[in-house]
Amino acid sequence: MKKQNNKEYSLINNSKNENDSWLDDWRIQGQEGYLMNKYLVFRTFDRKLCVEDYDQCEFCWSVFDKDKHHPKKAYYQPDEKVWICEKCYNDFKKYFHWRIIETEDHS
């Protein structure tokens, strides 16, 4: 039996469902190198926390301030200073093994 490389094996075994593989998703473009097993904060988008005014989802590149399909709440990774929209978070949380450490309280 031919041995698969570790990344390919990991991607296949963490597929979203039997027909979808992480390998087929255009949004995965090397983020494994800096977002795997990270803690995230679910909070209101804040442009001041962006690196060089980069106000887009790290995966799908949707602009948080302008795209009506992406609400202003998102997942923030403070070490890398990147934002992840709710859709991408839900699509990739199993593969990336993300954990939420805190959320904003809007009471």
PDB file of N, CA and C in Angstrom:
ATOM      1  N   MET A   1       0.843  -1.188   0.000  1.00  0.00           N
ATOM      2  CA  MET A   1       0.000   0.000   0.000  1.00  0.00           C
ATOM      3  C   MET A   1       0.886   1.248   0.000  1.00  0.00           C
ATOM      4  N   LYS A   2       0.550   2.191  -0.847  1.00  0.00           N
ATOM      5  CA  LYS A   2       1.312   3.421  -0.957  1.00  0.00           C
ATOM      6  C   LYS A   2       1.034   4.322   0.245  1.00  0.00           C
ATOM      7  N   LYS A   3       2.082   4.864   0.829  1.00  0.00           N
ATOM      8  CA  LYS A   3       1.950   5.721   2.008  1.00  0.00           C
ATOM      9  C   LYS A   3       1.574   7.138   1.579  1.00  0.00           C
ATOM     10  N   GLN A   4       0.562   7.717   2.239  1.00  0.00           N
ATOM     11  CA  GLN A   4       0.167   9.088   1.971  1.00  0.00           C
ATOM     12  C   GLN A   4       0.978  10.019   2.856  1.00  0.00           C
ATOM     13  N   ASN A   5       1.196  11.252   2.366  1.00  0.00           N
ATOM     14  CA  ASN A   5       1.891  12.194   3.243  1.00  0.00           C
ATOM     15  C   ASN A   5       0.954  12.590   4.374  1.00  0.00           C
ATOM     16  N   ASN A   6       1.512  13.070   5.476  1.00  0.00           N
ATOM     17  CA  ASN A   6       0.724  13.352   6.685  1.00  0.00           C
ATOM     18  C   ASN A   6      -0.363  14.389   6.452  1.00  0.00           C
ATOM     19  N   LYS A   7      -0.075  15.437   5.688  1.00  0.00           N
ATOM     20  CA  LYS A   7      -1.068  16.475   5.444  1.00  0.00           C
ATOM     21  C   LYS A   7      -2.250  15.882   4.675  1.00  0.00           C
ATOM     22  N   GLU A   8      -1.975  15.135   3.631  1.00  0.00           N
ATOM     23  CA  GLU A   8      -3.054  14.554   2.831  1.00  0.00           C
ATOM     24  C   GLU A   8      -3.892  13.604   3.672  1.00  0.00           C
ATOM     25  N   TYR A   9      -3.256  12.772   4.479  1.00  0.00           N
ATOM     26  CA  TYR A   9      -3.977  11.830   5.336  1.00  0.00           C
ATOM     27  C   TYR A   9      -4.863  12.577   6.324  1.00  0.00           C
ATOM     28  N   SER A  10      -4.307  13.632   6.936  1.00  0.00           N
ATOM     29  CA  SER A  10      -5.052  14.414   7.907  1.00  0.00           C
ATOM     30  C   SER A  10      -6.249  15.098   7.256  1.00  0.00           C
ATOM     31  N   LEU A  11      -6.045  15.663   6.076  1.00  0.00           N
ATOM     32  CA  LEU A  11      -7.122  16.357   5.401  1.00  0.00           C
ATOM     33  C   LEU A  11      -8.250  15.402   5.032  1.00  0.00           C
ATOM     34  N   ILE A  12      -7.913  14.231   4.544  1.00  0.00           N
ATOM     35  CA  ILE A  12      -8.930  13.262   4.149  1.00  0.00           C
ATOM     36  C   ILE A  12      -9.705  12.768   5.360  1.00  0.00           C
ATOM     37  N   ASN A  13      -9.040  12.471   6.446  1.00  0.00           N
ATOM     38  CA  ASN A  13      -9.711  11.935   7.625  1.00  0.00           C
ATOM     39  C   ASN A  13     -10.558  12.962   8.358  1.00  0.00           C
ATOM     40  N   ASN A  14     -10.328  14.228   8.125  1.00  0.00           N
ATOM     41  CA  ASN A  14     -11.129  15.272   8.762  1.00  0.00           C
ATOM     42  C   ASN A  14     -12.122  15.894   7.800  1.00  0.00           C
ATOM     43  N   SER A  15     -12.482  15.183   6.742  1.00  0.00           N
ATOM     44  CA  SER A  15     -13.363  15.755   5.731  1.00  0.00           C
ATOM     45  C   SER A  15     -14.722  16.120   6.319  1.00  0.00           C
ATOM     46  N   LYS A  16     -15.347  17.124   5.726  1.00  0.00           N
ATOM     47  CA  LYS A  16     -16.632  17.624   6.192  1.00  0.00           C
ATOM     48  C   LYS A  16     -17.706  16.553   6.102  1.00  0.00           C
ATOM     49  N   ASN A  17     -17.698  15.790   5.050  1.00  0.00           N
ATOM     50  CA  ASN A  17     -18.574  14.640   4.900  1.00  0.00           C
ATOM     51  C   ASN A  17     -17.930  13.685   3.909  1.00  0.00           C
ATOM     52  N   GLU A  18     -18.573  12.592   3.607  1.00  0.00           N
ATOM     53  CA  GLU A  18     -17.950  11.570   2.763  1.00  0.00           C
ATOM     54  C   GLU A  18     -17.612  12.077   1.367  1.00  0.00           C
ATOM     55  N   ASN A  19     -18.371  13.035   0.868  1.00  0.00           N
ATOM     56  CA  ASN A  19     -18.159  13.500  -0.492  1.00  0.00           C
ATOM     57  C   ASN A  19     -17.245  14.719  -0.589  1.00  0.00           C
ATOM     58  N   ASP A  20     -17.054  15.430   0.508  1.00  0.00           N
ATOM     59  CA  ASP A  20     -16.226  16.637   0.508  1.00  0.00           C
ATOM     60  C   ASP A  20     -14.911  16.366   1.213  1.00  0.00           C
ATOM     61  N   SER A  21     -13.855  16.795   0.621  1.00  0.00           N
ATOM     62  CA  SER A  21     -12.546  16.673   1.239  1.00  0.00           C
ATOM     63  C   SER A  21     -11.989  18.080   1.427  1.00  0.00           C
ATOM     64  N   TRP A  22     -11.224  18.259   2.490  1.00  0.00           N
ATOM     65  CA  TRP A  22     -10.594  19.575   2.711  1.00  0.00           C
ATOM     66  C   TRP A  22      -9.673  19.913   1.550  1.00  0.00           C
ATOM     67  N   LEU A  23      -9.153  18.898   0.887  1.00  0.00           N
ATOM     68  CA  LEU A  23      -8.257  19.141  -0.241  1.00  0.00           C
ATOM     69  C   LEU A  23      -8.958  19.864  -1.382  1.00  0.00           C
ATOM     70  N   ASP A  24     -10.264  19.726  -1.478  1.00  0.00           N
ATOM     71  CA  ASP A  24     -11.015  20.326  -2.576  1.00  0.00           C
ATOM     72  C   ASP A  24     -11.476  21.748  -2.293  1.00  0.00           C
ATOM     73  N   ASP A  25     -11.278  22.247  -1.091  1.00  0.00           N
ATOM     74  CA  ASP A  25     -11.791  23.569  -0.736  1.00  0.00           C
ATOM     75  C   ASP A  25     -10.771  24.656  -1.083  1.00  0.00           C
ATOM     76  N   TRP A  26     -11.165  25.554  -1.960  1.00  0.00           N
ATOM     77  CA  TRP A  26     -10.274  26.612  -2.431  1.00  0.00           C
ATOM     78  C   TRP A  26      -9.817  27.549  -1.318  1.00  0.00           C
ATOM     79  N   ARG A  27     -10.571  27.594  -0.220  1.00  0.00           N
ATOM     80  CA  ARG A  27     -10.222  28.517   0.867  1.00  0.00           C
ATOM     81  C   ARG A  27      -9.022  28.056   1.685  1.00  0.00           C
ATOM     82  N   ILE A  28      -8.714  26.781   1.641  1.00  0.00           N
ATOM     83  CA  ILE A  28      -7.537  26.269   2.356  1.00  0.00           C
ATOM     84  C   ILE A  28      -6.316  26.538   1.484  1.00  0.00           C
ATOM     85  N   GLN A  29      -5.478  27.471   1.955  1.00  0.00           N
ATOM     86  CA  GLN A  29      -4.309  27.883   1.178  1.00  0.00           C
ATOM     87  C   GLN A  29      -3.092  28.077   2.079  1.00  0.00           C
ATOM     88  N   GLY A  30      -2.857  27.095   2.926  1.00  0.00           N
ATOM     89  CA  GLY A  30      -1.667  27.151   3.773  1.00  0.00           C
ATOM     90  C   GLY A  30      -1.896  27.678   5.176  1.00  0.00           C
ATOM     91  N   GLN A  31      -3.126  27.948   5.547  1.00  0.00           N
ATOM     92  CA  GLN A  31      -3.409  28.467   6.884  1.00  0.00           C
ATOM     93  C   GLN A  31      -3.077  27.456   7.977  1.00  0.00           C
ATOM     94  N   GLU A  32      -2.904  26.188   7.603  1.00  0.00           N
ATOM     95  CA  GLU A  32      -2.547  25.165   8.599  1.00  0.00           C
ATOM     96  C   GLU A  32      -1.251  25.533   9.328  1.00  0.00           C
ATOM     97  N   GLY A  33      -0.361  26.207   8.641  1.00  0.00           N
ATOM     98  CA  GLY A  33       0.925  26.574   9.215  1.00  0.00           C
ATOM     99  C   GLY A  33       0.853  27.562  10.362  1.00  0.00           C
ATOM    100  N   TYR A  34      -0.222  28.335  10.446  1.00  0.00           N
ATOM    101  CA  TYR A  34      -0.306  29.325  11.520  1.00  0.00           C
ATOM    102  C   TYR A  34      -1.649  29.349  12.261  1.00  0.00           C
ATOM    103  N   LEU A  35      -2.634  28.547  11.834  1.00  0.00           N
ATOM    104  CA  LEU A  35      -3.924  28.561  12.522  1.00  0.00           C
ATOM    105  C   LEU A  35      -4.354  27.216  13.098  1.00  0.00           C
ATOM    106  N   MET A  36      -3.539  26.204  12.980  1.00  0.00           N
ATOM    107  CA  MET A  36      -3.881  24.891  13.508  1.00  0.00           C
ATOM    108  C   MET A  36      -3.806  24.909  15.040  1.00  0.00           C
ATOM    109  N   ASN A  37      -4.821  24.336  15.699  1.00  0.00           N
ATOM    110  CA  ASN A  37      -4.871  24.199  17.165  1.00  0.00           C
ATOM    111  C   ASN A  37      -4.799  25.533  17.909  1.00  0.00           C
ATOM    112  N   LYS A  38      -5.377  26.563  17.354  1.00  0.00           N
ATOM    113  CA  LYS A  38      -5.335  27.892  17.982  1.00  0.00           C
ATOM    114  C   LYS A  38      -6.611  28.166  18.771  1.00  0.00           C
ATOM    115  N   TYR A  39      -6.488  29.085  19.701  1.00  0.00           N
ATOM    116  CA  TYR A  39      -7.630  29.601  20.436  1.00  0.00           C
ATOM    117  C   TYR A  39      -8.176  30.813  19.683  1.00  0.00           C
ATOM    118  N   LEU A  40      -9.505  30.946  19.658  1.00  0.00           N
ATOM    119  CA  LEU A  40     -10.153  32.065  18.987  1.00  0.00           C
ATOM    120  C   LEU A  40     -11.068  32.794  19.959  1.00  0.00           C
ATOM    121  N   VAL A  41     -11.326  34.041  19.662  1.00  0.00           N
ATOM    122  CA  VAL A  41     -12.255  34.861  20.424  1.00  0.00           C
ATOM    123  C   VAL A  41     -13.401  35.240  19.490  1.00  0.00           C
ATOM    124  N   PHE A  42     -14.646  34.975  19.901  1.00  0.00           N
ATOM    125  CA  PHE A  42     -15.809  35.388  19.122  1.00  0.00           C
ATOM    126  C   PHE A  42     -16.196  36.770  19.616  1.00  0.00           C
ATOM    127  N   ARG A  43     -16.075  37.752  18.739  1.00  0.00           N
ATOM    128  CA  ARG A  43     -16.278  39.132  19.155  1.00  0.00           C
ATOM    129  C   ARG A  43     -16.730  39.995  17.989  1.00  0.00           C
ATOM    130  N   THR A  44     -17.108  41.202  18.314  1.00  0.00           N
ATOM    131  CA  THR A  44     -17.475  42.170  17.292  1.00  0.00           C
ATOM    132  C   THR A  44     -16.217  42.564  16.527  1.00  0.00           C
ATOM    133  N   PHE A  45     -16.347  42.600  15.207  1.00  0.00           N
ATOM    134  CA  PHE A  45     -15.207  42.984  14.368  1.00  0.00           C
ATOM    135  C   PHE A  45     -14.727  44.374  14.757  1.00  0.00           C
ATOM    136  N   ASP A  46     -13.413  44.521  14.874  1.00  0.00           N
ATOM    137  CA  ASP A  46     -12.802  45.789  15.247  1.00  0.00           C
ATOM    138  C   ASP A  46     -11.614  46.039  14.327  1.00  0.00           C
ATOM    139  N   ARG A  47     -11.763  47.018  13.465  1.00  0.00           N
ATOM    140  CA  ARG A  47     -10.716  47.337  12.485  1.00  0.00           C
ATOM    141  C   ARG A  47      -9.370  47.648  13.160  1.00  0.00           C
ATOM    142  N   LYS A  48      -9.404  48.161  14.384  1.00  0.00           N
ATOM    143  CA  LYS A  48      -8.158  48.503  15.086  1.00  0.00           C
ATOM    144  C   LYS A  48      -7.320  47.266  15.395  1.00  0.00           C
ATOM    145  N   LEU A  49      -7.934  46.086  15.401  1.00  0.00           N
ATOM    146  CA  LEU A  49      -7.206  44.851  15.687  1.00  0.00           C
ATOM    147  C   LEU A  49      -6.657  44.188  14.422  1.00  0.00           C
ATOM    148  N   CYS A  50      -6.905  44.794  13.278  1.00  0.00           N
ATOM    149  CA  CYS A  50      -6.443  44.232  12.010  1.00  0.00           C
ATOM    150  C   CYS A  50      -4.974  44.585  11.763  1.00  0.00           C
ATOM    151  N   VAL A  51      -4.291  43.696  11.090  1.00  0.00           N
ATOM    152  CA  VAL A  51      -2.919  43.975  10.668  1.00  0.00           C
ATOM    153  C   VAL A  51      -2.992  44.799   9.393  1.00  0.00           C
ATOM    154  N   GLU A  52      -2.378  45.965   9.414  1.00  0.00           N
ATOM    155  CA  GLU A  52      -2.323  46.855   8.253  1.00  0.00           C
ATOM    156  C   GLU A  52      -3.691  47.062   7.615  1.00  0.00           C
ATOM    157  N   ASP A  53      -4.703  47.236   8.429  1.00  0.00           N
ATOM    158  CA  ASP A  53      -6.051  47.532   7.960  1.00  0.00           C
ATOM    159  C   ASP A  53      -6.640  46.424   7.078  1.00  0.00           C
ATOM    160  N   TYR A  54      -6.235  45.181   7.309  1.00  0.00           N
ATOM    161  CA  TYR A  54      -6.740  44.029   6.556  1.00  0.00           C
ATOM    162  C   TYR A  54      -8.048  43.579   7.198  1.00  0.00           C
ATOM    163  N   ASP A  55      -9.162  43.925   6.565  1.00  0.00           N
ATOM    164  CA  ASP A  55     -10.476  43.708   7.165  1.00  0.00           C
ATOM    165  C   ASP A  55     -11.244  42.569   6.504  1.00  0.00           C
ATOM    166  N   GLN A  56     -10.548  41.512   6.106  1.00  0.00           N
ATOM    167  CA  GLN A  56     -11.172  40.398   5.407  1.00  0.00           C
ATOM    168  C   GLN A  56     -11.019  39.094   6.181  1.00  0.00           C
ATOM    169  N   CYS A  57     -11.939  38.171   5.891  1.00  0.00           N
ATOM    170  CA  CYS A  57     -11.827  36.825   6.443  1.00  0.00           C
ATOM    171  C   CYS A  57     -10.549  36.183   5.910  1.00  0.00           C
ATOM    172  N   GLU A  58      -9.832  35.521   6.775  1.00  0.00           N
ATOM    173  CA  GLU A  58      -8.564  34.895   6.406  1.00  0.00           C
ATOM    174  C   GLU A  58      -8.740  33.777   5.378  1.00  0.00           C
ATOM    175  N   PHE A  59      -9.954  33.256   5.242  1.00  0.00           N
ATOM    176  CA  PHE A  59     -10.201  32.142   4.331  1.00  0.00           C
ATOM    177  C   PHE A  59     -10.917  32.558   3.051  1.00  0.00           C
ATOM    178  N   CYS A  60     -12.076  33.197   3.172  1.00  0.00           N
ATOM    179  CA  CYS A  60     -12.886  33.495   1.980  1.00  0.00           C
ATOM    180  C   CYS A  60     -12.696  34.922   1.470  1.00  0.00           C
ATOM    181  N   TRP A  61     -11.969  35.727   2.211  1.00  0.00           N
ATOM    182  CA  TRP A  61     -11.632  37.106   1.857  1.00  0.00           C
ATOM    183  C   TRP A  61     -12.821  38.053   1.824  1.00  0.00           C
ATOM    184  N   SER A  62     -13.935  37.643   2.381  1.00  0.00           N
ATOM    185  CA  SER A  62     -15.072  38.567   2.461  1.00  0.00           C
ATOM    186  C   SER A  62     -14.718  39.712   3.389  1.00  0.00           C
ATOM    187  N   VAL A  63     -15.114  40.909   2.978  1.00  0.00           N
ATOM    188  CA  VAL A  63     -14.827  42.110   3.753  1.00  0.00           C
ATOM    189  C   VAL A  63     -15.893  42.245   4.839  1.00  0.00           C
ATOM    190  N   PHE A  64     -15.461  42.350   6.075  1.00  0.00           N
ATOM    191  CA  PHE A  64     -16.400  42.388   7.196  1.00  0.00           C
ATOM    192  C   PHE A  64     -17.234  43.659   7.234  1.00  0.00           C
ATOM    193  N   ASP A  65     -16.648  44.787   6.935  1.00  0.00           N
ATOM    194  CA  ASP A  65     -17.376  46.053   7.036  1.00  0.00           C
ATOM    195  C   ASP A  65     -18.333  46.302   5.871  1.00  0.00           C
ATOM    196  N   LYS A  66     -18.145  45.628   4.750  1.00  0.00           N
ATOM    197  CA  LYS A  66     -18.917  45.960   3.554  1.00  0.00           C
ATOM    198  C   LYS A  66     -19.838  44.848   3.075  1.00  0.00           C
ATOM    199  N   ASP A  67     -19.593  43.621   3.446  1.00  0.00           N
ATOM    200  CA  ASP A  67     -20.350  42.482   2.933  1.00  0.00           C
ATOM    201  C   ASP A  67     -21.561  42.203   3.816  1.00  0.00           C
ATOM    202  N   LYS A  68     -22.753  42.395   3.291  1.00  0.00           N
ATOM    203  CA  LYS A  68     -23.969  42.211   4.092  1.00  0.00           C
ATOM    204  C   LYS A  68     -24.171  40.758   4.520  1.00  0.00           C
ATOM    205  N   HIS A  69     -23.494  39.820   3.866  1.00  0.00           N
ATOM    206  CA  HIS A  69     -23.622  38.401   4.208  1.00  0.00           C
ATOM    207  C   HIS A  69     -22.729  37.997   5.378  1.00  0.00           C
ATOM    208  N   HIS A  70     -21.856  38.881   5.798  1.00  0.00           N
ATOM    209  CA  HIS A  70     -20.964  38.601   6.927  1.00  0.00           C
ATOM    210  C   HIS A  70     -21.220  39.615   8.025  1.00  0.00           C
ATOM    211  N   PRO A  71     -21.918  39.196   9.060  1.00  0.00           N
ATOM    212  CA  PRO A  71     -22.202  40.130  10.158  1.00  0.00           C
ATOM    213  C   PRO A  71     -20.920  40.601  10.830  1.00  0.00           C
ATOM    214  N   LYS A  72     -21.073  41.599  11.623  1.00  0.00           N
ATOM    215  CA  LYS A  72     -19.899  42.200  12.258  1.00  0.00           C
ATOM    216  C   LYS A  72     -19.306  41.386  13.390  1.00  0.00           C
ATOM    217  N   LYS A  73     -19.941  40.271  13.751  1.00  0.00           N
ATOM    218  CA  LYS A  73     -19.323  39.392  14.744  1.00  0.00           C
ATOM    219  C   LYS A  73     -18.527  38.340  13.987  1.00  0.00           C
ATOM    220  N   ALA A  74     -17.340  38.046  14.490  1.00  0.00           N
ATOM    221  CA  ALA A  74     -16.460  37.098  13.812  1.00  0.00           C
ATOM    222  C   ALA A  74     -15.514  36.484  14.835  1.00  0.00           C
ATOM    223  N   TYR A  75     -14.710  35.578  14.373  1.00  0.00           N
ATOM    224  CA  TYR A  75     -13.733  34.902  15.226  1.00  0.00           C
ATOM    225  C   TYR A  75     -12.372  35.543  14.991  1.00  0.00           C
ATOM    226  N   TYR A  76     -11.735  35.907  16.084  1.00  0.00           N
ATOM    227  CA  TYR A  76     -10.455  36.617  16.033  1.00  0.00           C
ATOM    228  C   TYR A  76      -9.370  35.758  16.658  1.00  0.00           C
ATOM    229  N   GLN A  77      -8.220  35.672  16.002  1.00  0.00           N
ATOM    230  CA  GLN A  77      -7.086  34.947  16.552  1.00  0.00           C
ATOM    231  C   GLN A  77      -6.050  35.994  16.954  1.00  0.00           C
ATOM    232  N   PRO A  78      -5.915  36.274  18.265  1.00  0.00           N
ATOM    233  CA  PRO A  78      -5.074  37.384  18.713  1.00  0.00           C
ATOM    234  C   PRO A  78      -3.580  37.229  18.440  1.00  0.00           C
ATOM    235  N   ASP A  79      -3.051  36.017  18.452  1.00  0.00           N
ATOM    236  CA  ASP A  79      -1.612  35.850  18.192  1.00  0.00           C
ATOM    237  C   ASP A  79      -1.265  36.204  16.748  1.00  0.00           C
ATOM    238  N   GLU A  80      -2.087  35.761  15.828  1.00  0.00           N
ATOM    239  CA  GLU A  80      -1.851  35.999  14.400  1.00  0.00           C
ATOM    240  C   GLU A  80      -2.531  37.266  13.892  1.00  0.00           C
ATOM    241  N   LYS A  81      -3.435  37.815  14.720  1.00  0.00           N
ATOM    242  CA  LYS A  81      -4.182  39.028  14.371  1.00  0.00           C
ATOM    243  C   LYS A  81      -4.961  38.854  13.062  1.00  0.00           C
ATOM    244  N   VAL A  82      -5.676  37.730  12.962  1.00  0.00           N
ATOM    245  CA  VAL A  82      -6.501  37.473  11.785  1.00  0.00           C
ATOM    246  C   VAL A  82      -7.940  37.238  12.212  1.00  0.00           C
ATOM    247  N   TRP A  83      -8.859  37.468  11.283  1.00  0.00           N
ATOM    248  CA  TRP A  83     -10.293  37.310  11.498  1.00  0.00           C
ATOM    249  C   TRP A  83     -10.825  36.191  10.622  1.00  0.00           C
ATOM    250  N   ILE A  84     -11.819  35.470  11.146  1.00  0.00           N
ATOM    251  CA  ILE A  84     -12.445  34.365  10.430  1.00  0.00           C
ATOM    252  C   ILE A  84     -13.955  34.562  10.518  1.00  0.00           C
ATOM    253  N   CYS A  85     -14.628  34.579   9.378  1.00  0.00           N
ATOM    254  CA  CYS A  85     -16.081  34.764   9.385  1.00  0.00           C
ATOM    255  C   CYS A  85     -16.752  33.525   9.976  1.00  0.00           C
ATOM    256  N   GLU A  86     -18.019  33.677  10.358  1.00  0.00           N
ATOM    257  CA  GLU A  86     -18.743  32.566  10.994  1.00  0.00           C
ATOM    258  C   GLU A  86     -18.863  31.356  10.074  1.00  0.00           C
ATOM    259  N   LYS A  87     -19.100  31.573   8.791  1.00  0.00           N
ATOM    260  CA  LYS A  87     -19.233  30.451   7.861  1.00  0.00           C
ATOM    261  C   LYS A  87     -17.930  29.664   7.775  1.00  0.00           C
ATOM    262  N   CYS A  88     -16.827  30.338   7.594  1.00  0.00           N
ATOM    263  CA  CYS A  88     -15.539  29.644   7.500  1.00  0.00           C
ATOM    264  C   CYS A  88     -15.183  28.979   8.823  1.00  0.00           C
ATOM    265  N   TYR A  89     -15.481  29.641   9.932  1.00  0.00           N
ATOM    266  CA  TYR A  89     -15.249  29.011  11.227  1.00  0.00           C
ATOM    267  C   TYR A  89     -16.010  27.687  11.311  1.00  0.00           C
ATOM    268  N   ASN A  90     -17.278  27.705  10.994  1.00  0.00           N
ATOM    269  CA  ASN A  90     -18.093  26.483  11.080  1.00  0.00           C
ATOM    270  C   ASN A  90     -17.619  25.413  10.097  1.00  0.00           C
ATOM    271  N   ASP A  91     -17.175  25.825   8.935  1.00  0.00           N
ATOM    272  CA  ASP A  91     -16.693  24.864   7.935  1.00  0.00           C
ATOM    273  C   ASP A  91     -15.376  24.208   8.341  1.00  0.00           C
ATOM    274  N   PHE A  92     -14.515  24.945   9.035  1.00  0.00           N
ATOM    275  CA  PHE A  92     -13.153  24.461   9.279  1.00  0.00           C
ATOM    276  C   PHE A  92     -12.805  24.177  10.731  1.00  0.00           C
ATOM    277  N   LYS A  93     -13.707  24.394  11.668  1.00  0.00           N
ATOM    278  CA  LYS A  93     -13.364  24.231  13.088  1.00  0.00           C
ATOM    279  C   LYS A  93     -12.917  22.811  13.423  1.00  0.00           C
ATOM    280  N   LYS A  94     -13.495  21.828  12.803  1.00  0.00           N
ATOM    281  CA  LYS A  94     -13.101  20.442  13.084  1.00  0.00           C
ATOM    282  C   LYS A  94     -11.692  20.161  12.556  1.00  0.00           C
ATOM    283  N   TYR A  95     -11.423  20.578  11.354  1.00  0.00           N
ATOM    284  CA  TYR A  95     -10.115  20.345  10.751  1.00  0.00           C
ATOM    285  C   TYR A  95      -8.997  21.075  11.504  1.00  0.00           C
ATOM    286  N   PHE A  96      -9.245  22.345  11.869  1.00  0.00           N
ATOM    287  CA  PHE A  96      -8.211  23.147  12.520  1.00  0.00           C
ATOM    288  C   PHE A  96      -8.158  22.955  14.038  1.00  0.00           C
ATOM    289  N   HIS A  97      -9.121  22.254  14.610  1.00  0.00           N
ATOM    290  CA  HIS A  97      -9.159  22.000  16.063  1.00  0.00           C
ATOM    291  C   HIS A  97      -9.145  23.309  16.864  1.00  0.00           C
ATOM    292  N   TRP A  98      -9.975  24.252  16.441  1.00  0.00           N
ATOM    293  CA  TRP A  98     -10.050  25.527  17.140  1.00  0.00           C
ATOM    294  C   TRP A  98     -10.823  25.410  18.437  1.00  0.00           C
ATOM    295  N   ARG A  99     -10.448  26.261  19.406  1.00  0.00           N
ATOM    296  CA  ARG A  99     -11.139  26.342  20.689  1.00  0.00           C
ATOM    297  C   ARG A  99     -11.448  27.809  20.966  1.00  0.00           C
ATOM    298  N   ILE A 100     -12.625  28.050  21.499  1.00  0.00           N
ATOM    299  CA  ILE A 100     -13.036  29.418  21.852  1.00  0.00           C
ATOM    300  C   ILE A 100     -12.614  29.689  23.294  1.00  0.00           C
ATOM    301  N   ILE A 101     -11.911  30.797  23.519  1.00  0.00           N
ATOM    302  CA  ILE A 101     -11.465  31.103  24.877  1.00  0.00           C
ATOM    303  C   ILE A 101     -12.333  32.153  25.552  1.00  0.00           C
ATOM    304  N   GLU A 102     -13.014  32.975  24.771  1.00  0.00           N
ATOM    305  CA  GLU A 102     -13.889  33.968  25.371  1.00  0.00           C
ATOM    306  C   GLU A 102     -14.818  34.517  24.296  1.00  0.00           C
ATOM    307  N   THR A 103     -15.903  35.110  24.745  1.00  0.00           N
ATOM    308  CA  THR A 103     -16.822  35.821  23.854  1.00  0.00           C
ATOM    309  C   THR A 103     -17.172  37.135  24.493  1.00  0.00           C
ATOM    310  N   GLU A 104     -17.608  38.066  23.680  1.00  0.00           N
ATOM    311  CA  GLU A 104     -18.056  39.343  24.216  1.00  0.00           C
ATOM    312  C   GLU A 104     -19.431  39.181  24.831  1.00  0.00           C
ATOM    313  N   ASP A 105     -19.661  39.901  25.888  1.00  0.00           N
ATOM    314  CA  ASP A 105     -20.967  39.894  26.533  1.00  0.00           C
ATOM    315  C   ASP A 105     -21.730  41.125  26.076  1.00  0.00           C
ATOM    316  N   HIS A 106     -22.887  40.913  25.446  1.00  0.00           N
ATOM    317  CA  HIS A 106     -23.691  42.027  24.960  1.00  0.00           C
ATOM    318  C   HIS A 106     -24.955  42.214  25.789  1.00  0.00           C
ATOM    319  N   SER A 107     -24.861  42.032  27.086  1.00  0.00           N
ATOM    320  CA  SER A 107     -26.062  42.195  27.909  1.00  0.00           C
ATOM    321  C   SER A 107     -26.280  43.630  28.300  1.00  0.00           C
TER     322      SER A 107
END
